[in-house]
PDB file of N, CA and C in Angstrom:
ATOM      1  N   MET A   1     -38.092 -39.741-106.035  1.00  0.00           N
ATOM      2  CA  MET A   1     -39.389 -39.791-106.706  1.00  0.00           C
ATOM      3  C   MET A   1     -39.655 -41.211-107.182  1.00  0.00           C
ATOM      4  N   GLN A   2     -40.907 -41.620-106.990  1.00  0.00           N
ATOM      5  CA  GLN A   2     -41.334 -42.948-107.400  1.00  0.00           C
ATOM      6  C   GLN A   2     -42.578 -42.851-108.272  1.00  0.00           C
ATOM      7  N   ARG A   3     -42.858 -43.974-108.930  1.00  0.00           N
ATOM      8  CA  ARG A   3     -44.083 -44.108-109.706  1.00  0.00           C
ATOM      9  C   ARG A   3     -44.885 -45.259-109.121  1.00  0.00           C
ATOM     10  N   LEU A   4     -46.169 -45.001-108.893  1.00  0.00           N
ATOM     11  CA  LEU A   4     -47.116 -46.025-108.471  1.00  0.00           C
ATOM     12  C   LEU A   4     -48.051 -46.292-109.640  1.00  0.00           C
ATOM     13  N   THR A   5     -48.191 -47.552-110.004  1.00  0.00           N
ATOM     14  CA  THR A   5     -49.153 -47.963-111.017  1.00  0.00           C
ATOM     15  C   THR A   5     -50.130 -48.901-110.330  1.00  0.00           C
ATOM     16  N   ALA A   6     -51.424 -48.628-110.486  1.00  0.00           N
ATOM     17  CA  ALA A   6     -52.442 -49.454-109.832  1.00  0.00           C
ATOM     18  C   ALA A   6     -53.574 -49.751-110.807  1.00  0.00           C
ATOM     19  N   THR A   7     -54.037 -50.985-110.781  1.00  0.00           N
ATOM     20  CA  THR A   7     -55.234 -51.380-111.514  1.00  0.00           C
ATOM     21  C   THR A   7     -56.274 -51.749-110.464  1.00  0.00           C
ATOM     22  N   VAL A   8     -57.411 -51.091-110.536  1.00  0.00           N
ATOM     23  CA  VAL A   8     -58.455 -51.208-109.523  1.00  0.00           C
ATOM     24  C   VAL A   8     -59.676 -51.855-110.145  1.00  0.00           C
ATOM     25  N   SER A   9     -60.218 -52.874-109.466  1.00  0.00           N
ATOM     26  CA  SER A   9     -61.439 -53.506-109.963  1.00  0.00           C
ATOM     27  C   SER A   9     -62.491 -53.524-108.870  1.00  0.00           C
ATOM     28  N   GLY A  10     -63.723 -53.657-109.294  1.00  0.00           N
ATOM     29  CA  GLY A  10     -64.876 -53.608-108.404  1.00  0.00           C
ATOM     30  C   GLY A  10     -65.898 -52.657-109.002  1.00  0.00           C
ATOM     31  N   LYS A  11     -66.697 -52.052-108.149  1.00  0.00           N
ATOM     32  CA  LYS A  11     -67.667 -51.053-108.609  1.00  0.00           C
ATOM     33  C   LYS A  11     -66.954 -49.695-108.588  1.00  0.00           C
ATOM     34  N   VAL A  12     -66.163 -49.454-109.641  1.00  0.00           N
ATOM     35  CA  VAL A  12     -65.341 -48.244-109.690  1.00  0.00           C
ATOM     36  C   VAL A  12     -65.563 -47.421-110.961  1.00  0.00           C
ATOM     37  N   THR A  13     -66.463 -47.838-111.808  1.00  0.00           N
ATOM     38  CA  THR A  13     -66.791 -47.040-112.989  1.00  0.00           C
ATOM     39  C   THR A  13     -68.215 -46.531-112.847  1.00  0.00           C
ATOM     40  N   GLY A  14     -68.427 -45.293-113.272  1.00  0.00           N
ATOM     41  CA  GLY A  14     -69.761 -44.705-113.208  1.00  0.00           C
ATOM     42  C   GLY A  14     -70.170 -44.253-111.811  1.00  0.00           C
ATOM     43  N   VAL A  15     -69.205 -44.147-110.886  1.00  0.00           N
ATOM     44  CA  VAL A  15     -69.526 -43.755-109.505  1.00  0.00           C
ATOM     45  C   VAL A  15     -68.668 -42.575-109.030  1.00  0.00           C
ATOM     46  N   GLY A  16     -68.002 -41.881-109.945  1.00  0.00           N
ATOM     47  CA  GLY A  16     -67.171 -40.743-109.589  1.00  0.00           C
ATOM     48  C   GLY A  16     -65.796 -41.116-109.069  1.00  0.00           C
ATOM     49  N   TYR A  17     -65.384 -42.359-109.296  1.00  0.00           N
ATOM     50  CA  TYR A  17     -64.102 -42.831-108.778  1.00  0.00           C
ATOM     51  C   TYR A  17     -62.924 -42.057-109.372  1.00  0.00           C
ATOM     52  N   ARG A  18     -62.916 -41.839-110.682  1.00  0.00           N
ATOM     53  CA  ARG A  18     -61.795 -41.142-111.313  1.00  0.00           C
ATOM     54  C   ARG A  18     -61.660 -39.717-110.787  1.00  0.00           C
ATOM     55  N   MET A  19     -62.779 -39.004-110.650  1.00  0.00           N
ATOM     56  CA  MET A  19     -62.746 -37.636-110.146  1.00  0.00           C
ATOM     57  C   MET A  19     -62.261 -37.617-108.687  1.00  0.00           C
ATOM     58  N   PHE A  20     -62.694 -38.601-107.899  1.00  0.00           N
ATOM     59  CA  PHE A  20     -62.263 -38.730-106.510  1.00  0.00           C
ATOM     60  C   PHE A  20     -60.747 -38.896-106.437  1.00  0.00           C
ATOM     61  N   ILE A  21     -60.200 -39.798-107.260  1.00  0.00           N
ATOM     62  CA  ILE A  21     -58.756 -40.039-107.259  1.00  0.00           C
ATOM     63  C   ILE A  21     -58.002 -38.804-107.737  1.00  0.00           C
ATOM     64  N   GLN A  22     -58.494 -38.147-108.763  1.00  0.00           N
ATOM     65  CA  GLN A  22     -57.842 -36.929-109.250  1.00  0.00           C
ATOM     66  C   GLN A  22     -57.779 -35.870-108.147  1.00  0.00           C
ATOM     67  N   LYS A  23     -58.874 -35.683-107.435  1.00  0.00           N
ATOM     68  CA  LYS A  23     -58.920 -34.683-106.357  1.00  0.00           C
ATOM     69  C   LYS A  23     -57.908 -35.026-105.257  1.00  0.00           C
ATOM     70  N   LYS A  24     -57.848 -36.279-104.856  1.00  0.00           N
ATOM     71  CA  LYS A  24     -56.920 -36.702-103.801  1.00  0.00           C
ATOM     72  C   LYS A  24     -55.468 -36.569-104.266  1.00  0.00           C
ATOM     73  N   ALA A  25     -55.188 -36.959-105.498  1.00  0.00           N
ATOM     74  CA  ALA A  25     -53.830 -36.873-106.031  1.00  0.00           C
ATOM     75  C   ALA A  25     -53.364 -35.421-106.133  1.00  0.00           C
ATOM     76  N   ARG A  26     -54.238 -34.551-106.605  1.00  0.00           N
ATOM     77  CA  ARG A  26     -53.865 -33.135-106.715  1.00  0.00           C
ATOM     78  C   ARG A  26     -53.649 -32.526-105.332  1.00  0.00           C
ATOM     79  N   ALA A  27     -54.443 -32.917-104.343  1.00  0.00           N
ATOM     80  CA  ALA A  27     -54.265 -32.411-102.975  1.00  0.00           C
ATOM     81  C   ALA A  27     -52.912 -32.837-102.408  1.00  0.00           C
ATOM     82  N   LEU A  28     -52.406 -33.973-102.871  1.00  0.00           N
ATOM     83  CA  LEU A  28     -51.103 -34.473-102.436  1.00  0.00           C
ATOM     84  C   LEU A  28     -49.959 -33.988-103.332  1.00  0.00           C
ATOM     85  N   TRP A  29     -50.256 -33.160-104.318  1.00  0.00           N
ATOM     86  CA  TRP A  29     -49.280 -32.626-105.265  1.00  0.00           C
ATOM     87  C   TRP A  29     -48.593 -33.734-106.063  1.00  0.00           C
ATOM     88  N   LEU A  30     -49.365 -34.748-106.435  1.00  0.00           N
ATOM     89  CA  LEU A  30     -48.851 -35.832-107.267  1.00  0.00           C
ATOM     90  C   LEU A  30     -49.158 -35.531-108.727  1.00  0.00           C
ATOM     91  N   THR A  31     -48.411 -36.132-109.625  1.00  0.00           N
ATOM     92  CA  THR A  31     -48.678 -36.013-111.045  1.00  0.00           C
ATOM     93  C   THR A  31     -48.995 -37.394-111.603  1.00  0.00           C
ATOM     94  N   GLY A  32     -49.659 -37.421-112.763  1.00  0.00           N
ATOM     95  CA  GLY A  32     -49.999 -38.682-113.405  1.00  0.00           C
ATOM     96  C   GLY A  32     -51.382 -38.621-114.007  1.00  0.00           C
ATOM     97  N   TYR A  33     -52.077 -39.766-113.989  1.00  0.00           N
ATOM     98  CA  TYR A  33     -53.425 -39.813-114.567  1.00  0.00           C
ATOM     99  C   TYR A  33     -54.215 -40.982-113.997  1.00  0.00           C
ATOM    100  N   VAL A  34     -55.512 -40.923-114.213  1.00  0.00           N
ATOM    101  CA  VAL A  34     -56.429 -42.009-113.884  1.00  0.00           C
ATOM    102  C   VAL A  34     -57.314 -42.221-115.109  1.00  0.00           C
ATOM    103  N   ALA A  35     -57.610 -43.485-115.440  1.00  0.00           N
ATOM    104  CA  ALA A  35     -58.387 -43.786-116.644  1.00  0.00           C
ATOM    105  C   ALA A  35     -59.187 -45.068-116.453  1.00  0.00           C
ATOM    106  N   ASN A  36     -60.349 -45.127-117.089  1.00  0.00           N
ATOM    107  CA  ASN A  36     -61.101 -46.376-117.138  1.00  0.00           C
ATOM    108  C   ASN A  36     -60.373 -47.351-118.053  1.00  0.00           C
ATOM    109  N   VAL A  37     -60.415 -48.629-117.683  1.00  0.00           N
ATOM    110  CA  VAL A  37     -59.850 -49.699-118.509  1.00  0.00           C
ATOM    111  C   VAL A  37     -60.986 -50.688-118.734  1.00  0.00           C
ATOM    112  N   GLY A  38     -61.447 -50.771-119.963  1.00  0.00           N
ATOM    113  CA  GLY A  38     -62.591 -51.632-120.232  1.00  0.00           C
ATOM    114  C   GLY A  38     -63.831 -51.089-119.539  1.00  0.00           C
ATOM    115  N   GLN A  39     -64.740 -51.985-119.180  1.00  0.00           N
ATOM    116  CA  GLN A  39     -66.006 -51.556-118.574  1.00  0.00           C
ATOM    117  C   GLN A  39     -65.970 -51.534-117.055  1.00  0.00           C
ATOM    118  N   PHE A  40     -65.006 -52.209-116.428  1.00  0.00           N
ATOM    119  CA  PHE A  40     -65.104 -52.401-114.987  1.00  0.00           C
ATOM    120  C   PHE A  40     -63.872 -52.014-114.180  1.00  0.00           C
ATOM    121  N   ASP A  41     -62.761 -51.715-114.812  1.00  0.00           N
ATOM    122  CA  ASP A  41     -61.527 -51.438-114.081  1.00  0.00           C
ATOM    123  C   ASP A  41     -61.067 -50.000-114.285  1.00  0.00           C
ATOM    124  N   VAL A  42     -60.227 -49.548-113.366  1.00  0.00           N
ATOM    125  CA  VAL A  42     -59.624 -48.221-113.447  1.00  0.00           C
ATOM    126  C   VAL A  42     -58.112 -48.386-113.298  1.00  0.00           C
ATOM    127  N   HIS A  43     -57.369 -47.620-114.083  1.00  0.00           N
ATOM    128  CA  HIS A  43     -55.909 -47.646-114.072  1.00  0.00           C
ATOM    129  C   HIS A  43     -55.420 -46.307-113.526  1.00  0.00           C
ATOM    130  N   VAL A  44     -54.505 -46.362-112.553  1.00  0.00           N
ATOM    131  CA  VAL A  44     -53.947 -45.149-111.952  1.00  0.00           C
ATOM    132  C   VAL A  44     -52.431 -45.176-112.105  1.00  0.00           C
ATOM    133  N   VAL A  45     -51.877 -44.075-112.577  1.00  0.00           N
ATOM    134  CA  VAL A  45     -50.424 -43.889-112.621  1.00  0.00           C
ATOM    135  C   VAL A  45     -50.150 -42.581-111.899  1.00  0.00           C
ATOM    136  N   ALA A  46     -49.355 -42.645-110.825  1.00  0.00           N
ATOM    137  CA  ALA A  46     -49.057 -41.445-110.045  1.00  0.00           C
ATOM    138  C   ALA A  46     -47.573 -41.400-109.723  1.00  0.00           C
ATOM    139  N   GLU A  47     -47.031 -40.176-109.704  1.00  0.00           N
ATOM    140  CA  GLU A  47     -45.625 -39.983-109.376  1.00  0.00           C
ATOM    141  C   GLU A  47     -45.481 -38.959-108.263  1.00  0.00           C
ATOM    142  N   GLY A  48     -44.528 -39.237-107.368  1.00  0.00           N
ATOM    143  CA  GLY A  48     -44.259 -38.334-106.258  1.00  0.00           C
ATOM    144  C   GLY A  48     -43.430 -39.047-105.214  1.00  0.00           C
ATOM    145  N   SER A  49     -43.437 -38.514-104.004  1.00  0.00           N
ATOM    146  CA  SER A  49     -42.663 -39.135-102.924  1.00  0.00           C
ATOM    147  C   SER A  49     -43.346 -40.420-102.465  1.00  0.00           C
ATOM    148  N   GLU A  50     -42.573 -41.313-101.887  1.00  0.00           N
ATOM    149  CA  GLU A  50     -43.121 -42.585-101.401  1.00  0.00           C
ATOM    150  C   GLU A  50     -44.229 -42.348-100.376  1.00  0.00           C
ATOM    151  N   GLN A  51     -44.032 -41.406 -99.486  1.00  0.00           N
ATOM    152  CA  GLN A  51     -45.025 -41.110 -98.451  1.00  0.00           C
ATOM    153  C   GLN A  51     -46.356 -40.662 -99.063  1.00  0.00           C
ATOM    154  N   LYS A  52     -46.298 -39.765-100.027  1.00  0.00           N
ATOM    155  CA  LYS A  52     -47.532 -39.266-100.644  1.00  0.00           C
ATOM    156  C   LYS A  52     -48.198 -40.333-101.507  1.00  0.00           C
ATOM    157  N   LEU A  53     -47.397 -41.174-102.162  1.00  0.00           N
ATOM    158  CA  LEU A  53     -47.976 -42.271-102.941  1.00  0.00           C
ATOM    159  C   LEU A  53     -48.674 -43.265-102.010  1.00  0.00           C
ATOM    160  N   ASN A  54     -48.108 -43.512-100.838  1.00  0.00           N
ATOM    161  CA  ASN A  54     -48.759 -44.396 -99.869  1.00  0.00           C
ATOM    162  C   ASN A  54     -50.090 -43.814 -99.402  1.00  0.00           C
ATOM    163  N   GLN A  55     -50.142 -42.506 -99.232  1.00  0.00           N
ATOM    164  CA  GLN A  55     -51.392 -41.849 -98.854  1.00  0.00           C
ATOM    165  C   GLN A  55     -52.427 -42.000 -99.962  1.00  0.00           C
ATOM    166  N   LEU A  56     -51.989 -41.795-101.213  1.00  0.00           N
ATOM    167  CA  LEU A  56     -52.916 -41.962-102.334  1.00  0.00           C
ATOM    168  C   LEU A  56     -53.407 -43.400-102.405  1.00  0.00           C
ATOM    169  N   LEU A  57     -52.535 -44.354-102.172  1.00  0.00           N
ATOM    170  CA  LEU A  57     -52.919 -45.764-102.228  1.00  0.00           C
ATOM    171  C   LEU A  57     -54.035 -46.079-101.230  1.00  0.00           C
ATOM    172  N   GLU A  58     -54.013 -45.444-100.078  1.00  0.00           N
ATOM    173  CA  GLU A  58     -55.110 -45.617 -99.110  1.00  0.00           C
ATOM    174  C   GLU A  58     -56.430 -45.161 -99.729  1.00  0.00           C
ATOM    175  N   HIS A  59     -56.412 -44.027-100.423  1.00  0.00           N
ATOM    176  CA  HIS A  59     -57.623 -43.517-101.082  1.00  0.00           C
ATOM    177  C   HIS A  59     -58.040 -44.421-102.235  1.00  0.00           C
ATOM    178  N   ILE A  60     -57.065 -44.942-102.965  1.00  0.00           N
ATOM    179  CA  ILE A  60     -57.361 -45.856-104.073  1.00  0.00           C
ATOM    180  C   ILE A  60     -58.096 -47.084-103.551  1.00  0.00           C
ATOM    181  N   ARG A  61     -57.641 -47.614-102.428  1.00  0.00           N
ATOM    182  CA  ARG A  61     -58.247 -48.825-101.854  1.00  0.00           C
ATOM    183  C   ARG A  61     -59.633 -48.572-101.283  1.00  0.00           C
ATOM    184  N   LYS A  62     -59.892 -47.344-100.855  1.00  0.00           N
ATOM    185  CA  LYS A  62     -61.187 -47.009-100.261  1.00  0.00           C
ATOM    186  C   LYS A  62     -62.185 -46.520-101.311  1.00  0.00           C
ATOM    187  N   GLY A  63     -61.786 -45.545-102.105  1.00  0.00           N
ATOM    188  CA  GLY A  63     -62.668 -44.955-103.105  1.00  0.00           C
ATOM    189  C   GLY A  63     -63.709 -44.053-102.468  1.00  0.00           C
ATOM    190  N   PRO A  64     -64.545 -43.416-103.286  1.00  0.00           N
ATOM    191  CA  PRO A  64     -65.625 -42.583-102.753  1.00  0.00           C
ATOM    192  C   PRO A  64     -66.701 -43.464-102.114  1.00  0.00           C
ATOM    193  N   PHE A  65     -67.623 -42.833-101.397  1.00  0.00           N
ATOM    194  CA  PHE A  65     -68.618 -43.584-100.625  1.00  0.00           C
ATOM    195  C   PHE A  65     -69.475 -44.527-101.469  1.00  0.00           C
ATOM    196  N   ASN A  66     -69.710 -44.217-102.724  1.00  0.00           N
ATOM    197  CA  ASN A  66     -70.587 -45.051-103.548  1.00  0.00           C
ATOM    198  C   ASN A  66     -69.826 -46.078-104.386  1.00  0.00           C
ATOM    199  N   ALA A  67     -68.516 -46.178-104.192  1.00  0.00           N
ATOM    200  CA  ALA A  67     -67.715 -47.184-104.894  1.00  0.00           C
ATOM    201  C   ALA A  67     -67.533 -48.412-104.001  1.00  0.00           C
ATOM    202  N   SER A  68     -67.183 -49.506-104.633  1.00  0.00           N
ATOM    203  CA  SER A  68     -66.879 -50.735-103.901  1.00  0.00           C
ATOM    204  C   SER A  68     -65.636 -51.354-104.537  1.00  0.00           C
ATOM    205  N   VAL A  69     -64.484 -51.084-103.927  1.00  0.00           N
ATOM    206  CA  VAL A  69     -63.214 -51.578-104.457  1.00  0.00           C
ATOM    207  C   VAL A  69     -63.055 -53.043-104.046  1.00  0.00           C
ATOM    208  N   ARG A  70     -62.891 -53.903-105.033  1.00  0.00           N
ATOM    209  CA  ARG A  70     -62.746 -55.338-104.779  1.00  0.00           C
ATOM    210  C   ARG A  70     -61.287 -55.768-104.760  1.00  0.00           C
ATOM    211  N   ASN A  71     -60.479 -55.213-105.668  1.00  0.00           N
ATOM    212  CA  ASN A  71     -59.086 -55.632-105.781  1.00  0.00           C
ATOM    213  C   ASN A  71     -58.245 -54.480-106.315  1.00  0.00           C
ATOM    214  N   VAL A  72     -57.012 -54.372-105.785  1.00  0.00           N
ATOM    215  CA  VAL A  72     -56.060 -53.372-106.262  1.00  0.00           C
ATOM    216  C   VAL A  72     -54.732 -54.075-106.501  1.00  0.00           C
ATOM    217  N   GLU A  73     -54.273 -54.060-107.736  1.00  0.00           N
ATOM    218  CA  GLU A  73     -52.960 -54.605-108.084  1.00  0.00           C
ATOM    219  C   GLU A  73     -52.025 -53.426-108.291  1.00  0.00           C
ATOM    220  N   THR A  74     -50.859 -53.455-107.617  1.00  0.00           N
ATOM    221  CA  THR A  74     -49.944 -52.317-107.693  1.00  0.00           C
ATOM    222  C   THR A  74     -48.550 -52.736-108.123  1.00  0.00           C
ATOM    223  N   ALA A  75     -47.826 -51.755-108.631  1.00  0.00           N
ATOM    224  CA  ALA A  75     -46.412 -51.913-108.957  1.00  0.00           C
ATOM    225  C   ALA A  75     -45.746 -50.575-108.694  1.00  0.00           C
ATOM    226  N   ARG A  76     -44.474 -50.637-108.340  1.00  0.00           N
ATOM    227  CA  ARG A  76     -43.691 -49.413-108.106  1.00  0.00           C
ATOM    228  C   ARG A  76     -42.480 -49.422-109.022  1.00  0.00           C
ATOM    229  N   SER A  77     -42.074 -48.234-109.436  1.00  0.00           N
ATOM    230  CA  SER A  77     -40.878 -48.086-110.258  1.00  0.00           C
ATOM    231  C   SER A  77     -40.341 -46.672-110.064  1.00  0.00           C
ATOM    232  N   ASP A  78     -39.249 -46.373-110.721  1.00  0.00           N
ATOM    233  CA  ASP A  78     -38.700 -45.019-110.674  1.00  0.00           C
ATOM    234  C   ASP A  78     -39.604 -44.085-111.464  1.00  0.00           C
ATOM    235  N   ALA A  79     -39.753 -42.866-110.991  1.00  0.00           N
ATOM    236  CA  ALA A  79     -40.555 -41.861-111.692  1.00  0.00           C
ATOM    237  C   ALA A  79     -39.876 -41.464-112.993  1.00  0.00           C
ATOM    238  N   THR A  80     -40.688 -41.197-113.996  1.00  0.00           N
ATOM    239  CA  THR A  80     -40.163 -40.710-115.267  1.00  0.00           C
ATOM    240  C   THR A  80     -40.255 -39.186-115.365  1.00  0.00           C
ATOM    241  N   GLU A  81     -41.056 -38.597-114.486  1.00  0.00           N
ATOM    242  CA  GLU A  81     -41.279 -37.150-114.453  1.00  0.00           C
ATOM    243  C   GLU A  81     -41.811 -36.612-115.776  1.00  0.00           C
ATOM    244  N   GLU A  82     -42.629 -37.420-116.454  1.00  0.00           N
ATOM    245  CA  GLU A  82     -43.198 -36.994-117.734  1.00  0.00           C
ATOM    246  C   GLU A  82     -44.484 -36.199-117.585  1.00  0.00           C
ATOM    247  N   PHE A  83     -45.059 -36.160-116.380  1.00  0.00           N
ATOM    248  CA  PHE A  83     -46.340 -35.501-116.157  1.00  0.00           C
ATOM    249  C   PHE A  83     -46.143 -34.147-115.472  1.00  0.00           C
ATOM    250  N   THR A  84     -47.038 -33.209-115.773  1.00  0.00           N
ATOM    251  CA  THR A  84     -46.996 -31.907-115.121  1.00  0.00           C
ATOM    252  C   THR A  84     -48.206 -31.675-114.227  1.00  0.00           C
ATOM    253  N   ASP A  85     -49.196 -32.565-114.296  1.00  0.00           N
ATOM    254  CA  ASP A  85     -50.448 -32.406-113.542  1.00  0.00           C
ATOM    255  C   ASP A  85     -51.001 -33.822-113.314  1.00  0.00           C
ATOM    256  N   PHE A  86     -52.102 -33.923-112.618  1.00  0.00           N
ATOM    257  CA  PHE A  86     -52.792 -35.202-112.478  1.00  0.00           C
ATOM    258  C   PHE A  86     -54.122 -35.078-113.210  1.00  0.00           C
ATOM    259  N   THR A  87     -54.303 -35.864-114.246  1.00  0.00           N
ATOM    260  CA  THR A  87     -55.459 -35.705-115.135  1.00  0.00           C
ATOM    261  C   THR A  87     -56.323 -36.958-115.193  1.00  0.00           C
ATOM    262  N   ILE A  88     -57.521 -36.759-115.709  1.00  0.00           N
ATOM    263  CA  ILE A  88     -58.419 -37.862-116.031  1.00  0.00           C
ATOM    264  C   ILE A  88     -58.280 -38.124-117.522  1.00  0.00           C
ATOM    265  N   GLU A  89     -57.923 -39.340-117.885  1.00  0.00           N
ATOM    266  CA  GLU A  89     -57.794 -39.716-119.292  1.00  0.00           C
ATOM    267  C   GLU A  89     -59.128 -40.317-119.753  1.00  0.00           C
ATOM    268  N   TYR A  90     -59.511 -39.976-120.972  1.00  0.00           N
ATOM    269  CA  TYR A  90     -60.766 -40.500-121.532  1.00  0.00           C
ATOM    270  C   TYR A  90     -60.481 -41.378-122.732  1.00  0.00           C
TER     271      TYR A  90
END
């Protein structure tokens, strides 16, 4: 199990980006959360297998049709297994 942490910038707030990521993460059976950071960035923390995290990362880089992802900064670490679901943090 691994943890993926990503900070996403671009047109990713106010366009359904968090809900899109939550839906994709839950479909992949990942746990963690997605949250807005400030006015323009989104923070994603997801845990699961390397293969499924790589699949989620593809969705993170693309976003929903009305988003425009400009930059994605990522880090990987060991999973802490502290999450039971994938949620949207407010």
